[in-house]
Amino acid sequence: MTNPAGTMPPRPDRLFVADDILSGRVRLDAYPFRYILIGSSPSRAVGVAFGGRSGANAMIDVILTAVEFLEDHGWELVSIDQGGTVACMRRAPRR
């Protein structure tokens, strides 16, 4: 099916929730772009606001666990923000 003249198909998201990656709700095997962001779910972020340091550590742990999972699936960590709330990843070049 073709798009009407002048319209573009919707672009895939670039920001993904770490919990969705770890639960399998998000699969990035056929993802068309090279760069993505991994963040926390809104409910987990609210928990950090009330959980203090232990809440922040739990949020960072989930994000880094998702990063490690994706590293086993062809992605590499580019950077993580100072607060540990967002990780930037890129698909590793094929060798």
N, C-alpha and C. Protein backbone atom coordinates (compact mmCIF):
# COMPACT_ATOMS: atom_id res chain seq x y z
N MET A 1 0.84 -1.16 0.00
CA MET A 1 0.00 0.00 0.00
C MET A 1 0.89 1.24 0.00
N THR A 2 0.58 2.20 -0.84
CA THR A 2 1.38 3.41 -0.91
C THR A 2 0.73 4.51 -0.10
N ASN A 3 1.54 5.45 0.32
CA ASN A 3 1.03 6.60 1.07
C ASN A 3 0.55 7.66 0.11
N PRO A 4 -0.50 8.40 0.49
CA PRO A 4 -0.92 9.52 -0.34
C PRO A 4 0.24 10.50 -0.50
N ALA A 5 0.25 11.20 -1.60
CA ALA A 5 1.33 12.14 -1.89
C ALA A 5 1.53 13.11 -0.73
N GLY A 6 2.79 13.28 -0.35
CA GLY A 6 3.12 14.25 0.69
C GLY A 6 3.02 13.75 2.11
N THR A 7 2.59 12.51 2.34
CA THR A 7 2.52 12.01 3.72
C THR A 7 3.63 11.01 3.97
N MET A 8 4.06 10.99 5.19
CA MET A 8 5.13 10.06 5.59
C MET A 8 4.56 9.08 6.61
N PRO A 9 5.02 7.84 6.58
CA PRO A 9 4.57 6.91 7.63
C PRO A 9 5.11 7.38 8.97
N PRO A 10 4.44 7.03 10.07
CA PRO A 10 4.93 7.45 11.38
C PRO A 10 6.31 6.85 11.66
N ARG A 11 7.16 7.64 12.26
CA ARG A 11 8.50 7.17 12.62
C ARG A 11 8.43 6.36 13.91
N PRO A 12 9.23 5.32 14.02
CA PRO A 12 9.26 4.56 15.27
C PRO A 12 9.81 5.42 16.40
N ASP A 13 9.40 5.10 17.61
CA ASP A 13 9.92 5.79 18.79
C ASP A 13 11.43 5.59 18.90
N ARG A 14 12.08 6.52 19.56
CA ARG A 14 13.51 6.38 19.86
C ARG A 14 13.75 6.24 21.36
N LEU A 15 12.74 6.50 22.17
CA LEU A 15 12.85 6.38 23.62
C LEU A 15 12.08 5.14 24.07
N PHE A 16 12.76 4.25 24.77
CA PHE A 16 12.15 3.01 25.22
C PHE A 16 12.28 2.90 26.74
N VAL A 17 11.30 2.26 27.34
CA VAL A 17 11.29 2.06 28.79
C VAL A 17 12.05 0.77 29.11
N ALA A 18 12.98 0.87 30.05
CA ALA A 18 13.83 -0.27 30.42
C ALA A 18 13.00 -1.49 30.81
N ASP A 19 11.94 -1.29 31.58
CA ASP A 19 11.10 -2.42 32.00
C ASP A 19 10.48 -3.13 30.79
N ASP A 20 10.12 -2.38 29.75
CA ASP A 20 9.53 -2.98 28.55
C ASP A 20 10.55 -3.83 27.80
N ILE A 21 11.79 -3.41 27.79
CA ILE A 21 12.85 -4.19 27.14
C ILE A 21 13.08 -5.48 27.91
N LEU A 22 13.16 -5.38 29.22
CA LEU A 22 13.46 -6.56 30.05
C LEU A 22 12.32 -7.56 30.07
N SER A 23 11.08 -7.08 29.93
CA SER A 23 9.93 -7.99 29.95
C SER A 23 9.65 -8.60 28.59
N GLY A 24 10.29 -8.11 27.54
CA GLY A 24 10.05 -8.61 26.20
C GLY A 24 8.93 -7.91 25.46
N ARG A 25 8.32 -6.89 26.08
CA ARG A 25 7.26 -6.13 25.38
C ARG A 25 7.82 -5.34 24.21
N VAL A 26 9.11 -5.02 24.28
CA VAL A 26 9.79 -4.31 23.19
C VAL A 26 10.88 -5.20 22.64
N ARG A 27 10.87 -5.39 21.34
CA ARG A 27 11.91 -6.16 20.65
C ARG A 27 12.57 -5.22 19.65
N LEU A 28 13.87 -5.14 19.67
CA LEU A 28 14.59 -4.20 18.82
C LEU A 28 15.38 -4.90 17.71
N ASP A 29 15.10 -6.16 17.45
CA ASP A 29 15.84 -6.91 16.43
C ASP A 29 15.71 -6.27 15.05
N ALA A 30 14.54 -5.80 14.71
CA ALA A 30 14.31 -5.22 13.38
C ALA A 30 14.19 -3.70 13.43
N TYR A 31 14.66 -3.08 14.50
CA TYR A 31 14.55 -1.63 14.65
C TYR A 31 15.33 -0.94 13.53
N PRO A 32 14.72 0.04 12.85
CA PRO A 32 15.34 0.58 11.64
C PRO A 32 16.43 1.64 11.86
N PHE A 33 16.54 2.18 13.07
CA PHE A 33 17.51 3.25 13.30
C PHE A 33 18.68 2.74 14.14
N ARG A 34 19.74 3.52 14.16
CA ARG A 34 20.97 3.10 14.84
C ARG A 34 21.03 3.54 16.30
N TYR A 35 20.38 4.65 16.65
CA TYR A 35 20.48 5.20 18.01
C TYR A 35 19.14 5.15 18.73
N ILE A 36 19.19 4.83 20.03
CA ILE A 36 17.99 4.80 20.87
C ILE A 36 18.33 5.36 22.24
N LEU A 37 17.29 5.69 22.98
CA LEU A 37 17.42 6.10 24.38
C LEU A 37 16.65 5.11 25.24
N ILE A 38 17.21 4.77 26.39
CA ILE A 38 16.56 3.88 27.35
C ILE A 38 16.31 4.70 28.60
N GLY A 39 15.06 4.72 29.05
CA GLY A 39 14.71 5.47 30.24
C GLY A 39 13.88 4.64 31.19
N SER A 40 13.44 5.28 32.23
CA SER A 40 12.64 4.64 33.26
C SER A 40 11.16 4.85 32.97
N SER A 41 10.33 3.97 33.49
CA SER A 41 8.89 4.16 33.36
C SER A 41 8.46 5.34 34.23
N PRO A 42 7.39 6.02 33.86
CA PRO A 42 6.92 7.14 34.69
C PRO A 42 6.63 6.71 36.13
N SER A 43 6.06 5.53 36.32
CA SER A 43 5.74 5.10 37.69
C SER A 43 7.01 4.87 38.50
N ARG A 44 8.05 4.34 37.87
CA ARG A 44 9.32 4.14 38.57
C ARG A 44 9.97 5.49 38.89
N ALA A 45 9.86 6.44 37.97
CA ALA A 45 10.42 7.77 38.21
C ALA A 45 9.73 8.46 39.38
N VAL A 46 8.41 8.29 39.49
CA VAL A 46 7.68 8.85 40.63
C VAL A 46 8.15 8.18 41.92
N GLY A 47 8.39 6.88 41.86
CA GLY A 47 8.88 6.16 43.03
C GLY A 47 10.22 6.69 43.50
N VAL A 48 11.05 7.13 42.56
CA VAL A 48 12.35 7.71 42.91
C VAL A 48 12.15 8.99 43.71
N ALA A 49 11.16 9.77 43.30
CA ALA A 49 10.90 11.03 44.00
C ALA A 49 10.58 10.80 45.47
N PHE A 50 9.91 9.69 45.77
CA PHE A 50 9.53 9.40 47.15
C PHE A 50 10.46 8.39 47.82
N GLY A 51 11.29 7.72 47.04
CA GLY A 51 12.13 6.66 47.58
C GLY A 51 13.54 7.08 47.94
N GLY A 52 13.89 8.33 47.64
CA GLY A 52 15.23 8.80 47.97
C GLY A 52 16.31 8.03 47.24
N ARG A 53 17.41 7.85 47.91
CA ARG A 53 18.57 7.21 47.29
C ARG A 53 18.29 5.76 46.89
N SER A 54 17.57 5.02 47.72
CA SER A 54 17.28 3.62 47.38
C SER A 54 16.40 3.54 46.14
N GLY A 55 15.46 4.48 46.00
CA GLY A 55 14.64 4.52 44.80
C GLY A 55 15.45 4.85 43.56
N ALA A 56 16.39 5.79 43.71
CA ALA A 56 17.26 6.15 42.58
C ALA A 56 18.15 4.98 42.19
N ASN A 57 18.69 4.28 43.18
CA ASN A 57 19.53 3.12 42.88
C ASN A 57 18.74 2.03 42.16
N ALA A 58 17.50 1.82 42.56
CA ALA A 58 16.66 0.81 41.90
C ALA A 58 16.39 1.20 40.45
N MET A 59 16.13 2.49 40.19
CA MET A 59 15.86 2.95 38.83
C MET A 59 17.11 2.78 37.96
N ILE A 60 18.26 3.20 38.49
CA ILE A 60 19.51 3.07 37.74
C ILE A 60 19.80 1.60 37.46
N ASP A 61 19.54 0.73 38.42
CA ASP A 61 19.79 -0.70 38.23
C ASP A 61 18.96 -1.26 37.08
N VAL A 62 17.69 -0.87 37.00
CA VAL A 62 16.83 -1.37 35.92
C VAL A 62 17.33 -0.86 34.57
N ILE A 63 17.70 0.41 34.49
CA ILE A 63 18.18 0.96 33.23
C ILE A 63 19.47 0.26 32.80
N LEU A 64 20.41 0.09 33.73
CA LEU A 64 21.67 -0.57 33.37
C LEU A 64 21.49 -2.05 33.07
N THR A 65 20.52 -2.69 33.69
CA THR A 65 20.21 -4.08 33.35
C THR A 65 19.70 -4.17 31.92
N ALA A 66 18.86 -3.22 31.51
CA ALA A 66 18.38 -3.19 30.12
C ALA A 66 19.54 -2.92 29.17
N VAL A 67 20.46 -2.04 29.56
CA VAL A 67 21.65 -1.77 28.74
C VAL A 67 22.46 -3.05 28.56
N GLU A 68 22.70 -3.77 29.64
CA GLU A 68 23.47 -5.01 29.55
C GLU A 68 22.76 -6.06 28.70
N PHE A 69 21.43 -6.12 28.82
CA PHE A 69 20.66 -7.04 27.99
C PHE A 69 20.85 -6.70 26.51
N LEU A 70 20.73 -5.42 26.18
CA LEU A 70 20.86 -5.01 24.78
C LEU A 70 22.29 -5.18 24.26
N GLU A 71 23.29 -5.06 25.14
CA GLU A 71 24.67 -5.30 24.70
C GLU A 71 24.84 -6.74 24.22
N ASP A 72 24.10 -7.65 24.78
CA ASP A 72 24.14 -9.05 24.33
C ASP A 72 23.39 -9.25 23.02
N HIS A 73 22.69 -8.21 22.56
CA HIS A 73 21.89 -8.30 21.34
C HIS A 73 22.32 -7.29 20.29
N GLY A 74 23.60 -6.92 20.30
CA GLY A 74 24.14 -6.09 19.22
C GLY A 74 24.09 -4.59 19.43
N TRP A 75 23.81 -4.13 20.63
CA TRP A 75 23.80 -2.69 20.92
C TRP A 75 24.96 -2.37 21.84
N GLU A 76 25.42 -1.10 21.81
CA GLU A 76 26.48 -0.69 22.72
C GLU A 76 26.12 0.64 23.36
N LEU A 77 26.56 0.80 24.60
CA LEU A 77 26.29 2.02 25.35
C LEU A 77 27.15 3.15 24.80
N VAL A 78 26.51 4.29 24.53
CA VAL A 78 27.22 5.49 24.09
C VAL A 78 27.46 6.39 25.29
N SER A 79 26.40 6.66 26.05
CA SER A 79 26.53 7.51 27.23
C SER A 79 25.32 7.31 28.14
N ILE A 80 25.48 7.79 29.35
CA ILE A 80 24.38 7.79 30.30
C ILE A 80 24.41 9.15 30.99
N ASP A 81 23.24 9.73 31.22
CA ASP A 81 23.23 11.07 31.82
C ASP A 81 23.72 11.01 33.27
N GLN A 82 24.06 12.16 33.79
CA GLN A 82 24.68 12.24 35.11
C GLN A 82 23.82 11.62 36.21
N GLY A 83 22.51 11.77 36.10
CA GLY A 83 21.62 11.20 37.11
C GLY A 83 21.30 9.74 36.89
N GLY A 84 21.74 9.17 35.77
CA GLY A 84 21.47 7.77 35.48
C GLY A 84 20.04 7.50 35.06
N THR A 85 19.35 8.53 34.54
CA THR A 85 17.95 8.35 34.18
C THR A 85 17.73 8.02 32.72
N VAL A 86 18.72 8.28 31.87
CA VAL A 86 18.59 7.99 30.44
C VAL A 86 19.93 7.48 29.92
N ALA A 87 19.89 6.37 29.20
CA ALA A 87 21.08 5.82 28.56
C ALA A 87 20.91 5.92 27.05
N CYS A 88 21.95 6.37 26.38
CA CYS A 88 21.95 6.44 24.92
C CYS A 88 22.72 5.23 24.40
N MET A 89 22.12 4.52 23.44
CA MET A 89 22.75 3.33 22.88
C MET A 89 22.75 3.40 21.37
N ARG A 90 23.68 2.69 20.76
CA ARG A 90 23.70 2.58 19.29
C ARG A 90 23.87 1.11 18.92
N ARG A 91 23.31 0.80 17.77
CA ARG A 91 23.49 -0.55 17.24
C ARG A 91 24.95 -0.69 16.82
N ALA A 92 25.60 -1.73 17.30
CA ALA A 92 27.01 -1.94 16.97
C ALA A 92 27.14 -2.25 15.48
N PRO A 93 28.19 -1.72 14.85
CA PRO A 93 28.39 -2.04 13.43
C PRO A 93 28.58 -3.54 13.24
N ARG A 94 28.05 -4.03 12.16
CA ARG A 94 28.20 -5.47 11.86
C ARG A 94 29.61 -5.72 11.38
N ARG A 95 30.19 -6.78 11.86
CA ARG A 95 31.58 -7.10 11.49
C ARG A 95 31.64 -8.24 10.55
